[in-house]
Amino acid sequence: MNNNRGSYGQVKIMGNAWAREDIEAEKIKVLGSAEFRGLKAGEMKVKGSARFTGMLIVNTLEVAGSVDTSAIVRAQDIKIFGSLTAKEEVSTERFLAKGILELTSLNANDVTIELAETCHVGEIGAENVKVRPLSKFRLGFFGFNHNKNLRADTIEADYIELSNTAARIVKGNKVIIGPDCEIETVEYKDSLEINRNSIVKNKIKVG
């Protein structure tokens, strides 16, 4: 796929491929290994591995393998069952992760993270955020070590429900701190609940 530029219908990558120019396509499925610059697509599914050096703009992104990007990601729906590493902002309407995350910044309306491994997200900004352990049935595919958590600097949303989370600042209207959390500061407007098995060092009611 090297030296190709332009628009495509459906693209399926079985072996190894690389694009030296930006690509547009309706649907892309990566079953092997691919390297892209910028990509714009309606639907992208990655069951192998994909690396991006330019912007990734898609309607839907589903990752069962691994995606590594050094540029901005924009989407409507993102589902991660494998791993996503992003050095720039990830922006989407709906974000569901049941895999491994290494993100600098996540912006979304609805964020659900079910922890299969320890995940790192620098900043989360959303309307609704839910973080919880992956179910025991699904956890079997990743191993039974349950000491897995989300590590974040800042989490800010209207509604926040956290378990197994370590964060410096959590800001929200309604905040529920479930079990196994360690939070430096919680700023809340309407209500705050804290599980007895969690630590919140500073609680600040605002507004």
Protein backbone atom coordinates (compact mmCIF):
# COMPACT_ATOMS: atom_id res chain seq x y z
CA MET A 1 0.00 0.00 0.00
CA ASN A 2 3.03 2.30 -0.08
CA ASN A 3 2.88 5.38 -2.33
CA ASN A 4 -0.93 5.16 -2.48
CA ARG A 5 -3.03 8.26 -1.93
CA GLY A 6 -6.72 8.86 -2.30
CA SER A 7 -10.12 7.38 -1.51
CA TYR A 8 -11.05 3.72 -1.22
CA GLY A 9 -14.18 1.73 -0.57
CA GLN A 10 -13.36 -1.26 1.61
CA VAL A 11 -9.77 -2.08 2.57
CA LYS A 12 -8.64 -5.28 4.26
CA ILE A 13 -5.03 -5.69 5.37
CA MET A 14 -3.99 -9.29 5.99
CA GLY A 15 -0.18 -9.02 6.06
CA ASN A 16 2.08 -5.99 6.47
CA ALA A 17 1.31 -2.62 4.89
CA TRP A 18 2.31 1.01 5.18
CA ALA A 19 0.91 4.22 3.71
CA ARG A 20 3.20 7.14 2.94
CA GLU A 21 0.30 9.51 2.28
CA ASP A 22 -3.04 10.19 3.98
CA ILE A 23 -5.80 7.68 3.24
CA GLU A 24 -9.59 7.93 3.03
CA ALA A 25 -11.82 4.85 3.04
CA GLU A 26 -15.35 3.75 3.84
CA LYS A 27 -14.27 0.68 5.82
CA ILE A 28 -10.85 -0.56 6.90
CA LYS A 29 -10.09 -3.86 8.59
CA VAL A 30 -6.56 -4.59 9.82
CA LEU A 31 -5.89 -8.27 10.49
CA GLY A 32 -2.14 -7.99 10.09
CA SER A 33 0.14 -5.02 10.73
CA ALA A 34 -0.26 -1.55 9.23
CA GLU A 35 1.36 1.86 9.52
CA PHE A 36 -0.52 4.99 8.44
CA ARG A 37 0.03 8.69 8.29
CA GLY A 38 -3.41 10.33 8.47
CA LEU A 39 -6.57 8.27 8.02
CA LYS A 40 -10.21 9.23 7.54
CA ALA A 41 -12.73 6.38 7.51
CA GLY A 42 -16.33 5.55 8.24
CA GLU A 43 -15.52 2.34 10.08
CA MET A 44 -12.23 0.88 11.26
CA LYS A 45 -11.66 -2.50 12.91
CA VAL A 46 -8.23 -3.54 14.14
CA LYS A 47 -7.63 -7.16 15.07
CA GLY A 48 -3.92 -6.97 14.34
CA SER A 49 -1.84 -3.85 14.98
CA ALA A 50 -2.04 -0.33 13.55
CA ARG A 51 0.22 2.67 14.05
CA PHE A 52 -0.64 6.28 13.11
CA THR A 53 1.59 9.34 12.79
CA GLY A 54 -1.18 11.61 11.47
CA MET A 55 -4.76 12.32 12.57
CA LEU A 56 -7.17 9.41 12.84
CA ILE A 57 -10.74 10.51 12.03
CA VAL A 58 -13.42 7.81 12.01
CA ASN A 59 -17.10 7.33 12.76
CA THR A 60 -16.49 4.05 14.59
CA LEU A 61 -13.25 2.52 15.85
CA GLU A 62 -13.17 -1.02 17.25
CA VAL A 63 -9.88 -2.41 18.51
CA ALA A 64 -9.41 -6.07 19.40
CA GLY A 65 -5.68 -5.87 18.68
CA SER A 66 -3.54 -2.78 19.27
CA VAL A 67 -3.54 0.82 18.06
CA ASP A 68 -0.71 3.27 18.68
CA THR A 69 -1.09 6.89 17.58
CA SER A 70 1.03 10.00 18.01
CA ALA A 71 -1.66 12.40 16.69
CA ILE A 72 -5.24 13.40 17.50
CA VAL A 73 -8.05 10.82 17.35
CA ARG A 74 -11.62 11.91 16.56
CA ALA A 75 -14.58 9.53 16.42
CA GLN A 76 -18.25 9.00 17.21
CA ASP A 77 -17.85 5.58 18.86
CA ILE A 78 -14.72 3.90 20.20
CA LYS A 79 -14.63 0.37 21.62
CA ILE A 80 -11.36 -1.01 22.97
CA PHE A 81 -11.06 -4.73 23.69
CA GLY A 82 -7.33 -4.81 23.03
CA SER A 83 -5.03 -1.82 23.62
CA LEU A 84 -5.02 1.87 22.69
CA THR A 85 -2.00 4.13 23.13
CA ALA A 86 -2.49 7.80 22.20
CA LYS A 87 -0.04 10.65 22.76
CA GLU A 88 -2.55 13.37 21.79
CA GLU A 89 -6.23 13.96 22.58
CA VAL A 90 -8.83 11.28 21.94
CA SER A 91 -12.22 12.89 21.27
CA THR A 92 -15.42 10.87 20.83
CA GLU A 93 -19.10 10.76 21.70
CA ARG A 94 -19.05 7.30 23.31
CA PHE A 95 -16.01 5.50 24.70
CA LEU A 96 -16.03 1.92 25.96
CA ALA A 97 -12.83 0.18 27.06
CA LYS A 98 -12.36 -3.36 28.28
CA GLY A 99 -8.67 -3.52 27.48
CA ILE A 100 -5.45 -1.57 28.04
CA LEU A 101 -5.24 2.24 27.84
CA GLU A 102 -2.30 4.63 27.73
CA LEU A 103 -3.90 7.99 26.95
CA THR A 104 -2.80 11.58 27.44
CA SER A 105 -6.28 13.08 27.18
CA LEU A 106 -9.80 11.69 26.70
CA ASN A 107 -12.79 13.87 25.80
CA ALA A 108 -16.20 12.21 25.44
CA ASN A 109 -19.86 12.41 26.36
CA ASP A 110 -20.05 8.93 27.87
CA VAL A 111 -17.00 7.06 29.19
CA THR A 112 -17.12 3.49 30.48
CA ILE A 113 -13.87 1.78 31.47
CA GLU A 114 -13.96 -1.81 32.66
CA LEU A 115 -10.53 -2.62 33.99
CA ALA A 116 -8.84 -5.68 32.57
CA GLU A 117 -5.36 -4.27 33.21
CA THR A 118 -3.95 -1.18 34.89
CA CYS A 119 -4.78 1.78 32.64
CA HIS A 120 -3.27 5.26 32.50
CA VAL A 121 -5.23 8.33 31.34
CA GLY A 122 -3.84 11.80 32.04
CA GLU A 123 -7.07 13.78 31.79
CA ILE A 124 -10.70 12.72 31.34
CA GLY A 125 -13.39 15.25 30.46
CA ALA A 126 -16.94 13.97 29.93
CA GLU A 127 -20.60 14.18 30.87
CA ASN A 128 -20.71 10.68 32.40
CA VAL A 129 -17.78 8.59 33.61
CA LYS A 130 -17.98 5.06 34.98
CA VAL A 131 -14.91 3.03 35.99
CA ARG A 132 -15.20 -0.47 37.37
CA PRO A 133 -13.38 -3.84 37.32
CA LEU A 134 -14.03 -6.15 34.41
CA SER A 135 -16.43 -8.97 35.22
CA LYS A 136 -14.85 -12.17 36.50
CA PHE A 137 -15.92 -14.01 33.37
CA ARG A 138 -14.18 -11.55 31.05
CA LEU A 139 -11.25 -11.18 33.43
CA GLY A 140 -10.32 -14.79 32.79
CA PHE A 141 -9.06 -13.82 29.34
CA PHE A 142 -6.63 -11.31 30.87
CA GLY A 143 -5.62 -13.18 34.03
CA PHE A 144 -7.03 -13.25 37.53
CA ASN A 145 -4.85 -10.60 39.16
CA HIS A 146 -7.52 -8.22 40.42
CA ASN A 147 -5.08 -5.51 41.57
CA LYS A 148 -5.75 -3.49 38.44
CA ASN A 149 -6.80 0.12 38.47
CA LEU A 150 -7.15 3.33 36.54
CA ARG A 151 -4.45 5.91 37.19
CA ALA A 152 -5.40 9.44 36.21
CA ASP A 153 -4.40 13.01 36.96
CA THR A 154 -7.79 14.70 36.47
CA ILE A 155 -11.32 13.34 36.00
CA GLU A 156 -14.05 15.90 35.35
CA ALA A 157 -17.69 15.15 34.47
CA ASP A 158 -21.27 15.83 35.53
CA TYR A 159 -21.78 12.27 36.83
CA ILE A 160 -18.82 10.23 38.07
CA GLU A 161 -18.83 6.68 39.43
CA LEU A 162 -15.40 5.23 40.22
CA SER A 163 -13.96 1.98 41.52
CA ASN A 164 -10.32 0.84 41.51
CA THR A 165 -9.16 4.35 40.65
CA ALA A 166 -6.20 6.48 41.74
CA ALA A 167 -6.49 10.16 40.78
CA ARG A 168 -5.18 13.56 41.84
CA ILE A 169 -8.37 15.55 41.21
CA VAL A 170 -11.97 14.44 40.63
CA LYS A 171 -14.54 17.13 39.77
CA GLY A 172 -18.25 16.53 39.28
CA ASN A 173 -21.81 17.36 40.19
CA LYS A 174 -22.68 13.90 41.51
CA VAL A 175 -19.66 11.83 42.54
CA ILE A 176 -19.69 8.24 43.75
CA ILE A 177 -16.36 6.89 44.99
CA GLY A 178 -16.71 3.12 45.09
CA PRO A 179 -14.29 0.58 46.57
CA ASP A 180 -10.50 0.53 46.17
CA CYS A 181 -10.00 4.18 45.21
CA GLU A 182 -7.37 6.66 46.33
CA ILE A 183 -8.22 10.26 45.43
CA GLU A 184 -6.22 13.33 46.44
CA THR A 185 -9.08 15.85 46.06
CA VAL A 186 -12.76 15.58 45.19
CA GLU A 187 -14.66 18.72 44.21
CA TYR A 188 -18.43 18.15 44.02
CA LYS A 189 -21.49 20.33 43.52
CA ASP A 190 -24.54 18.20 44.38
CA SER A 191 -23.58 15.01 46.20
CA LEU A 192 -20.62 12.85 47.22
CA GLU A 193 -20.60 9.21 48.32
CA ILE A 194 -17.41 7.48 49.51
CA ASN A 195 -16.99 3.75 50.04
CA ARG A 196 -15.37 2.82 53.35
CA ASN A 197 -12.65 0.92 51.48
CA SER A 198 -11.52 4.06 49.66
CA ILE A 199 -9.42 7.09 50.61
CA VAL A 200 -10.31 10.69 49.73
CA LYS A 201 -7.85 13.13 51.29
CA ASN A 202 -9.67 16.38 50.50
CA LYS A 203 -13.43 16.88 50.02
CA ILE A 204 -14.58 20.26 48.69
CA LYS A 205 -18.21 21.22 48.07
CA VAL A 206 -18.49 23.96 45.45
CA GLY A 207 -21.29 26.10 44.02
